[in-house]
Structures are given as structure tokens and as C-alpha cells.
Amino acid sequence: MVTSPRDIPRDPQAFAVSARDEKFGWMFDPNARVPDTAPADMLEIIPKHWYNFAPVNPLWHYMLGMVYIVLFVVSLFGNLTALYLFLKDRTLRTPSNMLVINLTLSDLVMTLTNHTAFIYNAFMGGAWQLGPRVCEVCGFLGAVSGLASICSLVAISWDRYRVIVQSFNAAPLTVGKALAIMIFVWAYTMAFTLLPFFGIGAYVPEGILDSCTFDYFDTGVINTAYIWFCIVGFYIFPILLICFFYYHIVNAVFQHEKALKEQAKKMNVSTLRSNADQDKQSAEIRIAKVALVNITVWALCWTPYCVVVAIGISGDPMLVTPLVSALPALFAKAVSTYNPLVYALSHPRYRAALRKHMPWVCISPDDDGKSKPAAADTTSTVSAETANQEKA
């Protein structure tokens, strides 16, 4: 196993300029290693782990670059549209939607920094081309935006739990409280993502070297503790909270339905609900279904990357190849594309505002209340009940 760049006899500058051998076309020199594809000024911060692997086929850079272009376009349009409508339409400026906009802002930071950097590197040389300092800054921005996105999802889940489970016993969410939550989310994430600039952890190139992130191959005691704290504090703990909130949401919906059925049976009637109540309960059932889908998609996006990081810091690092590192990172960053579609633009009020202010998008009107998407019911029910509490 290669443990140092000195183990490979070569001219670093020559390899840094171009590791491709012309006689091999799209192939690399047989002695080349992943760091050999990077500029010379990047060699000092590239983890030694990547010297164990030959460079991937250059086509991977272009293919992933194309994928990131698609993600960039969809994410930028979705998040900017959500932000524009929130600022444009007064009916959308509720405390609950402020939490959704906080998610939008974190996704925009990820899109405008990490997506663009990956695309540039993928098509300009196949490895990090922007220098070590920009790598550290992009690594920080990717970390703080990604972790702020996770914390924002926890806050949104808590808000739904508060309204649906605690109902009128819950204190209303005011603008001041929502703003305080937003500030806490960013302060909490920045408190830990800034630590690498003070010697605790580091931001380094990862995988095929088109992006930068935490150094999860430095097995020193301090760095290991830091990485594991990030895994626990920004993945395990948040997903447990989200599961807790949505479990109680689902449980409350079905317990309420069960109680109504039992009471109706005692009174020898088919149901105690009016048509409006039945429609509302139908929406709540869809909330439960969407809750489970949201948890599943969120876990599918983030779990592979967290597993890779855990293996790199405490398992067998040789299992983490360049592509094994790069592909889970892609899934995690794709969340910034998924979030605005689920938590903002599927909201009936957002869709109405979209038809009003951006009719060229061609959003068709709902035929009736029952035809609204499930994801829309999730947010709209919460927002409506929150508004009722605030008026009370």
C-alpha cells in the first residue's frame, strides 16, 4: 500500500501538468496515481490515501460534470423561484415558511459554490484547479450549507409536529421565534465547520479531486473525534429527531381516526365527520404518507456519504476508492435539488403564487382540494393551522 507520494518515483511537476500519456489516448500513464492529475500546488493538501489508486477514466469527470450541470440548473431555478415568491407574495411570508426559506438559502449556498466548482474542475482538467485556499473555502461553504440544510429539515419537522400533534396546546410560532431558529441553525453549524481553520480537522480534495470536504482519512485522535462528532451531531441525532417527530405525527393522525371510529360505533352512525372534516382527515393521512417518503429519501441521500466517511475515519480506508467517495457525495448534494420541490414549490399557496407571478411556468390549477399533491398537503395543512393559532 502506498503511504507517501515519495513512494512513487516520478517528476511531480510533469505529472501535475498532465498525467495522460498521448500513446494511451484516454488512458493514464500506468504509474500515475490520483493526485498526479492535480496541479502541483494542490499536492500538499491531498490526503496520502489517494496515492493508493490509479486515476479514474477521464470520462467520469465529464459525465459527473454533466450530472452536476443538470442539478445546478434545476436547483438554482427551484430555490430562486421559492425565494422570489416568498419575497413577492405577502401571503407566503408566514413564520412556518421562514423555516422553509432558511432551507432554500442553505441549498442556494451549496448550489452556487460547490456545484459550480465541481463543474469548472470537471471540464478544466479533471481535478481541483482553483488552488488550495479556494478548496478550503469551498469545503467550508459546502459543509456549512449542507449541515444547515439538515438542521433546517429538523426545524421544519418540529414545526409540523408542534402544529399537528400539540395542536392548540402549542405556543404559536411567531416571526421572532422563527428568526431565532434560523440564527441558531447557522450559528450551530458555523461553530463546528469553522474549526478546521483553527487546526481541528481540515478541508481537502476528495474522491476524483473535483470537490473538497472534511479530511476523513486523518486518523489522529483530535480529527477522529471531530469527524465522529459531525456524524453524530449532524446525521444520527437529526435523523432520530426527524423520525421522532414524524412518528408522533403519524401516530396522532391514526389515534384520532381510531377514536372517532369508536365513538361513531357507539352512537350507531357511520361517521362523526362532516364532509369538511373528512377532507381534512384525508389530507392528514396523506401527510403521514409523505412524512415517511421524506424520511426515506432524506436517509437515502445522506446515509451512503456518512457511511463512507465513517469507513474512512474508523474502518478499512482501502474500501473508499475515488468513485466510492465521489458518488455518495453526489447523492448528498442532490438534496439541494430535491428540497425546493418538496418543501416549497409543491405547496398549494406557492403554486398559486407561481401561476400569478410566473404564469409562463405553466403550472396547471388544481381541480379541487382533493387533487392537491400529497407533499403540498403536508405543508399547507401545517401553514393553515399555524396561521389559525397566530390569529388566536
Protein backbone atom coordinates (compact mmCIF):
# COMPACT_ATOMS: atom_id res chain seq x y z
CA MET A 1 0.00 0.00 0.00
CA VAL A 2 1.31 3.41 -0.91
CA THR A 3 1.71 5.64 2.15
CA SER A 4 3.51 8.62 0.73
CA PRO A 5 3.95 10.43 -2.57
CA ARG A 6 7.67 9.74 -2.24
CA ASP A 7 6.97 6.02 -2.70
CA ILE A 8 6.35 6.65 -6.42
CA PRO A 9 9.42 7.65 -8.45
CA ARG A 10 8.29 10.39 -10.79
CA ASP A 11 8.66 14.04 -11.66
CA PRO A 12 5.75 15.65 -9.70
CA GLN A 13 5.65 18.76 -11.87
CA ALA A 14 5.47 16.73 -15.07
CA PHE A 15 2.65 14.60 -13.68
CA ALA A 16 0.86 17.65 -12.33
CA VAL A 17 0.87 19.31 -15.75
CA SER A 18 -0.59 16.25 -17.46
CA ALA A 19 -0.76 12.66 -16.25
CA ARG A 20 -2.12 11.47 -19.58
CA ASP A 21 0.23 9.64 -21.91
CA GLU A 22 -0.52 10.52 -25.54
CA LYS A 23 0.04 6.98 -26.75
CA PHE A 24 -2.74 5.78 -24.46
CA GLY A 25 -5.31 8.34 -25.64
CA TRP A 26 -7.93 8.39 -22.88
CA MET A 27 -5.77 6.22 -20.62
CA PHE A 28 -3.30 7.42 -18.00
CA ASP A 29 0.34 6.54 -17.56
CA PRO A 30 0.45 3.12 -15.81
CA ASN A 31 2.41 4.60 -12.90
CA ALA A 32 0.08 7.54 -12.36
CA ARG A 33 -1.94 7.98 -9.19
CA VAL A 34 -4.99 10.12 -8.48
CA PRO A 35 -3.03 13.10 -7.07
CA ASP A 36 -0.86 13.16 -10.21
CA THR A 37 -3.79 14.65 -12.11
CA ALA A 38 -3.90 17.70 -9.83
CA PRO A 39 -1.86 20.92 -10.14
CA ALA A 40 1.41 20.96 -8.22
CA ASP A 41 0.18 23.47 -5.63
CA MET A 42 -2.56 21.05 -4.55
CA LEU A 43 -0.27 18.13 -3.70
CA GLU A 44 0.44 19.35 -0.18
CA ILE A 45 -3.19 19.12 0.96
CA ILE A 46 -4.32 16.00 -0.92
CA PRO A 47 -4.67 13.10 1.56
CA LYS A 48 -2.00 10.42 1.08
CA HIS A 49 -4.79 7.87 0.88
CA TRP A 50 -5.45 8.81 -2.75
CA TYR A 51 -1.94 7.73 -3.78
CA ASN A 52 -3.18 4.15 -3.42
CA PHE A 53 -5.37 4.46 -6.52
CA ALA A 54 -4.85 4.99 -10.21
CA PRO A 55 -6.79 7.85 -11.81
CA VAL A 56 -10.31 7.11 -12.97
CA ASN A 57 -11.15 7.19 -16.65
CA PRO A 58 -11.35 10.90 -17.64
CA LEU A 59 -14.85 10.27 -18.97
CA TRP A 60 -16.01 10.06 -15.35
CA HIS A 61 -15.15 13.73 -14.85
CA TYR A 62 -17.19 14.75 -17.88
CA MET A 63 -20.14 12.50 -17.06
CA LEU A 64 -20.33 13.69 -13.46
CA GLY A 65 -19.81 17.24 -14.67
CA MET A 66 -22.88 16.89 -16.89
CA VAL A 67 -24.90 15.49 -13.98
CA TYR A 68 -23.86 18.44 -11.83
CA ILE A 69 -24.91 20.85 -14.59
CA VAL A 70 -28.41 19.35 -14.54
CA LEU A 71 -28.51 19.51 -10.73
CA PHE A 72 -27.25 23.09 -10.83
CA VAL A 73 -29.91 24.27 -13.29
CA VAL A 74 -32.81 22.54 -11.51
CA SER A 75 -31.62 23.53 -8.04
CA LEU A 76 -30.94 27.14 -8.99
CA PHE A 77 -34.33 27.53 -10.67
CA GLY A 78 -36.22 25.80 -7.87
CA ASN A 79 -34.56 27.62 -4.99
CA LEU A 80 -34.51 31.06 -6.62
CA THR A 81 -38.16 30.65 -7.57
CA ALA A 82 -39.09 29.71 -4.00
CA LEU A 83 -37.16 32.70 -2.64
CA TYR A 84 -38.64 35.09 -5.23
CA LEU A 85 -42.21 34.02 -4.49
CA PHE A 86 -41.65 34.29 -0.75
CA LEU A 87 -40.44 37.88 -1.14
CA LYS A 88 -43.03 38.79 -3.78
CA ASP A 89 -46.21 37.36 -2.25
CA ARG A 90 -47.20 38.54 1.22
CA THR A 91 -49.43 35.53 1.84
CA LEU A 92 -46.36 33.30 1.80
CA ARG A 93 -44.44 35.27 4.40
CA THR A 94 -45.51 33.19 7.41
CA PRO A 95 -43.25 32.04 10.27
CA SER A 96 -43.50 28.42 9.12
CA ASN A 97 -42.44 29.36 5.60
CA MET A 98 -39.48 31.25 7.05
CA LEU A 99 -38.09 27.87 8.09
CA VAL A 100 -38.59 26.61 4.55
CA ILE A 101 -36.79 29.68 3.19
CA ASN A 102 -33.90 29.00 5.55
CA LEU A 103 -33.64 25.62 3.86
CA THR A 104 -33.77 27.39 0.49
CA LEU A 105 -30.90 29.72 1.45
CA SER A 106 -28.67 26.85 2.55
CA ASP A 107 -29.40 24.97 -0.67
CA LEU A 108 -28.56 28.08 -2.70
CA VAL A 109 -25.17 28.35 -1.00
CA MET A 110 -24.47 24.71 -1.87
CA THR A 111 -25.58 25.21 -5.47
CA LEU A 112 -23.70 28.44 -6.14
CA THR A 113 -20.42 27.29 -4.59
CA ASN A 114 -19.94 23.52 -4.66
CA HIS A 115 -21.92 22.72 -7.80
CA THR A 116 -20.19 25.43 -9.81
CA ALA A 117 -16.74 24.48 -8.51
CA PHE A 118 -17.27 20.82 -9.42
CA ILE A 119 -18.45 21.71 -12.92
CA TYR A 120 -15.48 24.00 -13.52
CA ASN A 121 -12.95 21.44 -12.31
CA ALA A 122 -14.57 18.57 -14.19
CA PHE A 123 -14.23 20.33 -17.54
CA MET A 124 -10.96 22.18 -16.93
CA GLY A 125 -8.61 19.35 -16.07
CA GLY A 126 -10.40 16.68 -14.11
CA ALA A 127 -9.00 17.69 -10.72
CA TRP A 128 -9.13 20.73 -8.43
CA GLN A 129 -7.89 23.69 -10.47
CA LEU A 130 -8.69 26.62 -8.16
CA GLY A 131 -5.86 26.36 -5.64
CA PRO A 132 -5.66 25.13 -2.03
CA ARG A 133 -7.18 28.24 -0.41
CA VAL A 134 -10.28 28.15 -2.61
CA CYS A 135 -10.52 24.42 -1.87
CA GLU A 136 -10.66 25.18 1.85
CA VAL A 137 -13.26 27.91 1.37
CA CYS A 138 -15.44 25.73 -0.88
CA GLY A 139 -15.09 22.85 1.56
CA PHE A 140 -16.26 25.12 4.36
CA LEU A 141 -19.19 26.53 2.35
CA GLY A 142 -20.26 23.04 1.30
CA ALA A 143 -20.08 21.84 4.90
CA VAL A 144 -21.92 24.77 6.46
CA SER A 145 -24.66 24.78 3.80
CA GLY A 146 -25.13 21.01 3.85
CA LEU A 147 -25.29 20.83 7.63
CA ALA A 148 -27.54 23.91 7.83
CA SER A 149 -29.86 22.18 5.37
CA ILE A 150 -30.06 19.15 7.66
CA CYS A 151 -30.77 21.32 10.71
CA SER A 152 -33.42 23.25 8.77
CA LEU A 153 -35.18 19.99 7.95
CA VAL A 154 -35.22 19.18 11.67
CA ALA A 155 -36.76 22.59 12.38
CA ILE A 156 -39.44 22.06 9.69
CA SER A 157 -40.22 18.62 11.12
CA TRP A 158 -40.51 20.11 14.61
CA ASP A 159 -42.89 22.78 13.32
CA ARG A 160 -45.16 20.15 11.78
CA TYR A 161 -45.03 18.11 14.99
CA ARG A 162 -45.87 21.19 17.03
CA VAL A 163 -48.94 22.04 14.96
CA ILE A 164 -50.34 18.58 14.21
CA VAL A 165 -49.54 16.74 17.46
CA GLN A 166 -49.64 19.50 20.06
CA SER A 167 -52.31 21.42 18.13
CA PHE A 168 -53.81 24.32 20.08
CA ASN A 169 -51.75 23.49 23.17
CA ALA A 170 -48.64 24.63 21.32
CA ALA A 171 -47.46 28.20 21.58
CA PRO A 172 -47.79 29.99 18.22
CA LEU A 173 -44.69 30.26 16.08
CA THR A 174 -44.02 33.97 15.68
CA VAL A 175 -41.73 35.75 13.25
CA GLY A 176 -39.33 36.43 16.11
CA LYS A 177 -39.19 32.77 17.11
CA ALA A 178 -38.72 31.64 13.50
CA LEU A 179 -35.90 34.17 13.05
CA ALA A 180 -34.26 32.95 16.26
CA ILE A 181 -34.39 29.36 14.97
CA MET A 182 -32.80 30.44 11.69
CA ILE A 183 -29.98 32.24 13.51
CA PHE A 184 -29.42 29.24 15.79
CA VAL A 185 -29.19 26.87 12.81
CA TRP A 186 -26.45 28.91 11.15
CA ALA A 187 -24.61 29.62 14.42
CA TYR A 188 -24.66 25.94 15.38
CA THR A 189 -23.33 24.76 12.02
CA MET A 190 -20.71 27.51 11.71
CA ALA A 191 -19.43 26.83 15.22
CA PHE A 192 -18.23 23.42 14.05
CA THR A 193 -17.50 23.98 10.37
CA LEU A 194 -15.10 26.84 11.21
CA LEU A 195 -12.95 24.59 13.42
CA PRO A 196 -10.74 23.31 10.54
CA PHE A 197 -9.47 26.88 10.11
CA PHE A 198 -8.19 26.68 13.70
CA GLY A 199 -6.36 23.37 13.40
CA ILE A 200 -9.17 20.97 14.31
CA GLY A 201 -9.85 18.96 11.16
CA ALA A 202 -9.14 20.15 7.63
CA TYR A 203 -10.78 20.72 4.26
CA VAL A 204 -9.12 18.70 1.50
CA PRO A 205 -9.88 17.35 -2.00
CA GLU A 206 -11.84 14.10 -2.07
CA GLY A 207 -12.51 11.24 -4.45
CA ILE A 208 -11.66 12.15 -8.02
CA LEU A 209 -10.46 15.54 -6.66
CA ASP A 210 -13.18 17.66 -8.28
CA SER A 211 -14.53 18.76 -4.89
CA CYS A 212 -13.34 19.47 -1.35
CA THR A 213 -14.70 18.36 2.01
CA PHE A 214 -13.66 17.27 5.51
CA ASP A 215 -10.48 15.22 5.80
CA TYR A 216 -11.88 11.87 6.90
CA PHE A 217 -8.63 9.94 6.43
CA ASP A 218 -6.59 11.67 9.15
CA THR A 219 -6.92 9.15 11.99
CA GLY A 220 -5.35 11.38 14.64
CA VAL A 221 -7.28 11.49 17.91
CA ILE A 222 -8.48 15.08 17.52
CA ASN A 223 -9.58 14.71 13.89
CA THR A 224 -11.26 11.36 14.56
CA ALA A 225 -13.23 12.87 17.44
CA TYR A 226 -14.15 15.85 15.26
CA ILE A 227 -15.40 13.72 12.36
CA TRP A 228 -17.42 11.46 14.64
CA PHE A 229 -18.96 14.44 16.37
CA CYS A 230 -20.07 15.73 12.97
CA ILE A 231 -21.54 12.32 12.08
CA VAL A 232 -23.43 12.09 15.37
CA GLY A 233 -24.37 15.75 15.70
CA PHE A 234 -25.37 16.37 12.09
CA TYR A 235 -26.61 12.99 10.88
CA ILE A 236 -27.51 10.47 13.59
CA PHE A 237 -29.06 12.95 16.03
CA PRO A 238 -31.01 14.87 13.34
CA ILE A 239 -32.41 11.74 11.73
CA LEU A 240 -33.50 10.44 15.14
CA LEU A 241 -35.27 13.74 15.81
CA ILE A 242 -36.94 13.72 12.39
CA CYS A 243 -38.09 10.13 12.90
CA PHE A 244 -39.36 11.05 16.38
CA PHE A 245 -41.39 14.00 15.10
CA TYR A 246 -42.88 12.16 12.14
CA TYR A 247 -43.62 9.05 14.21
CA HIS A 248 -45.73 11.13 16.56
CA ILE A 249 -47.36 12.93 13.63
CA VAL A 250 -48.40 9.62 12.09
CA ASN A 251 -49.43 8.21 15.46
CA ALA A 252 -51.54 11.27 16.30
CA VAL A 253 -53.37 11.10 12.98
CA PHE A 254 -54.25 7.43 13.31
CA GLN A 255 -55.12 7.60 17.01
CA HIS A 256 -57.50 10.45 16.28
CA GLU A 257 -59.09 8.48 13.46
CA LYS A 258 -59.40 5.41 15.68
CA ALA A 259 -61.10 7.40 18.45
CA LEU A 260 -63.63 8.87 16.02
CA LYS A 261 -64.49 5.45 14.61
CA GLU A 262 -65.03 4.00 18.09
CA GLN A 263 -67.26 6.91 19.09
CA ALA A 264 -69.27 6.61 15.87
CA LYS A 265 -69.75 2.90 16.53
CA LYS A 266 -71.15 3.62 19.99
CA MET A 267 -73.59 6.12 18.51
CA ASN A 268 -74.62 3.73 15.71
CA VAL A 269 -73.61 6.14 12.97
CA SER A 270 -71.21 5.58 10.11
CA THR A 271 -69.08 8.62 10.89
CA LEU A 272 -68.91 11.68 13.11
CA ARG A 273 -67.26 13.74 10.42
CA SER A 274 -68.73 16.35 8.18
CA ASN A 275 -67.55 16.44 4.59
CA ALA A 276 -65.05 19.16 5.50
CA ASP A 277 -63.71 17.06 8.37
CA GLN A 278 -63.35 14.06 6.10
CA ASP A 279 -61.43 16.11 3.56
CA LYS A 280 -59.17 17.43 6.30
CA GLN A 281 -58.54 13.95 7.68
CA SER A 282 -57.82 12.68 4.18
CA ALA A 283 -55.19 15.40 3.90
CA GLU A 284 -53.74 14.36 7.26
CA ILE A 285 -53.46 10.77 6.08
CA ARG A 286 -51.52 12.00 3.08
CA ILE A 287 -49.32 13.97 5.47
CA ALA A 288 -48.43 10.72 7.19
CA LYS A 289 -47.57 9.05 3.90
CA VAL A 290 -45.47 11.97 2.70
CA ALA A 291 -43.68 12.05 6.04
CA LEU A 292 -42.49 8.50 5.52
CA VAL A 293 -41.41 9.26 1.96
CA ASN A 294 -39.49 12.35 3.08
CA ILE A 295 -37.62 10.42 5.76
CA THR A 296 -36.77 7.65 3.31
CA VAL A 297 -35.49 9.97 0.58
CA TRP A 298 -33.50 12.05 3.07
CA ALA A 299 -31.89 8.92 4.51
CA LEU A 300 -31.11 7.51 1.06
CA CYS A 301 -29.38 10.74 0.07
CA TRP A 302 -27.23 11.19 3.17
CA THR A 303 -26.61 7.68 4.54
CA PRO A 304 -24.19 6.49 1.80
CA TYR A 305 -21.96 9.54 2.30
CA CYS A 306 -21.97 9.21 6.09
CA VAL A 307 -21.09 5.52 5.77
CA VAL A 308 -18.15 6.39 3.51
CA VAL A 309 -16.92 8.99 6.00
CA ALA A 310 -17.25 6.53 8.90
CA ILE A 311 -15.31 3.86 6.99
CA GLY A 312 -12.62 6.36 6.05
CA ILE A 313 -12.05 7.54 9.61
CA SER A 314 -12.55 4.32 11.59
CA GLY A 315 -12.83 1.40 9.17
CA ASP A 316 -10.82 -0.02 6.28
CA PRO A 317 -9.94 3.07 4.21
CA MET A 318 -8.99 0.92 1.21
CA LEU A 319 -12.70 0.32 0.70
CA VAL A 320 -13.05 4.01 -0.11
CA THR A 321 -11.98 4.29 -3.75
CA PRO A 322 -12.20 7.57 -5.70
CA LEU A 323 -15.61 6.71 -7.15
CA VAL A 324 -16.88 5.23 -3.87
CA SER A 325 -16.18 8.67 -2.40
CA ALA A 326 -17.43 10.79 -5.32
CA LEU A 327 -20.79 9.12 -5.99
CA PRO A 328 -22.21 9.29 -2.43
CA ALA A 329 -21.12 12.94 -2.31
CA LEU A 330 -23.19 13.48 -5.46
CA PHE A 331 -26.26 11.93 -3.82
CA ALA A 332 -25.85 14.13 -0.74
CA LYS A 333 -25.52 17.31 -2.79
CA ALA A 334 -28.53 16.35 -4.90
CA VAL A 335 -30.69 17.09 -1.84
CA SER A 336 -30.43 20.79 -2.72
CA THR A 337 -32.36 19.95 -5.91
CA TYR A 338 -34.99 17.83 -4.18
CA ASN A 339 -35.72 20.14 -1.23
CA PRO A 340 -37.38 23.09 -3.02
CA LEU A 341 -39.66 20.78 -4.98
CA VAL A 342 -40.92 19.02 -1.85
CA TYR A 343 -40.91 21.70 0.82
CA ALA A 344 -41.76 24.83 -1.19
CA LEU A 345 -42.97 24.58 -4.78
CA SER A 346 -45.41 21.74 -4.06
CA HIS A 347 -47.19 23.97 -1.51
CA PRO A 348 -50.65 24.98 -2.88
CA ARG A 349 -50.08 28.61 -1.93
CA TYR A 350 -46.69 28.59 -3.65
CA ARG A 351 -48.30 27.03 -6.72
CA ALA A 352 -50.99 29.72 -6.72
CA ALA A 353 -48.33 32.42 -6.39
CA LEU A 354 -46.39 30.75 -9.19
CA ARG A 355 -49.40 30.91 -11.51
CA LYS A 356 -49.92 34.54 -10.56
CA HIS A 357 -46.38 35.88 -10.79
CA MET A 358 -44.77 33.41 -13.21
CA PRO A 359 -47.58 32.14 -15.47
CA TRP A 360 -45.10 31.11 -18.15
CA VAL A 361 -44.11 28.17 -15.93
CA CYS A 362 -47.48 26.63 -16.94
CA ILE A 363 -48.48 25.27 -13.54
CA SER A 364 -51.99 23.89 -14.01
CA PRO A 365 -54.58 24.84 -11.38
CA ASP A 366 -55.89 22.19 -9.01
CA ASP A 367 -59.31 20.91 -9.99
CA ASP A 368 -60.34 20.72 -6.37
CA GLY A 369 -58.90 20.39 -2.92
CA LYS A 370 -58.63 16.63 -3.22
CA SER A 371 -56.34 16.78 -6.22
CA LYS A 372 -53.51 18.56 -4.45
CA PRO A 373 -50.25 16.70 -4.29
CA ALA A 374 -49.52 14.87 -1.08
CA ALA A 375 -46.42 16.88 -0.47
CA ALA A 376 -48.48 20.01 -0.82
CA ASP A 377 -50.96 18.85 1.79
CA THR A 378 -48.14 18.40 4.23
CA THR A 379 -47.03 21.99 4.14
CA SER A 380 -50.38 23.62 3.52
CA THR A 381 -52.09 21.94 6.46
CA VAL A 382 -49.28 22.98 8.75
CA SER A 383 -49.25 26.53 7.44
CA ALA A 384 -53.02 26.88 7.70
CA GLU A 385 -53.15 25.57 11.25
CA THR A 386 -50.20 27.73 12.21
CA ALA A 387 -51.96 30.79 10.83
CA ASN A 388 -55.08 29.91 12.82
CA GLN A 389 -53.03 29.68 16.00
CA GLU A 390 -51.38 33.02 15.35
CA LYS A 391 -54.76 34.69 14.78
CA ALA A 392 -55.98 33.18 18.04
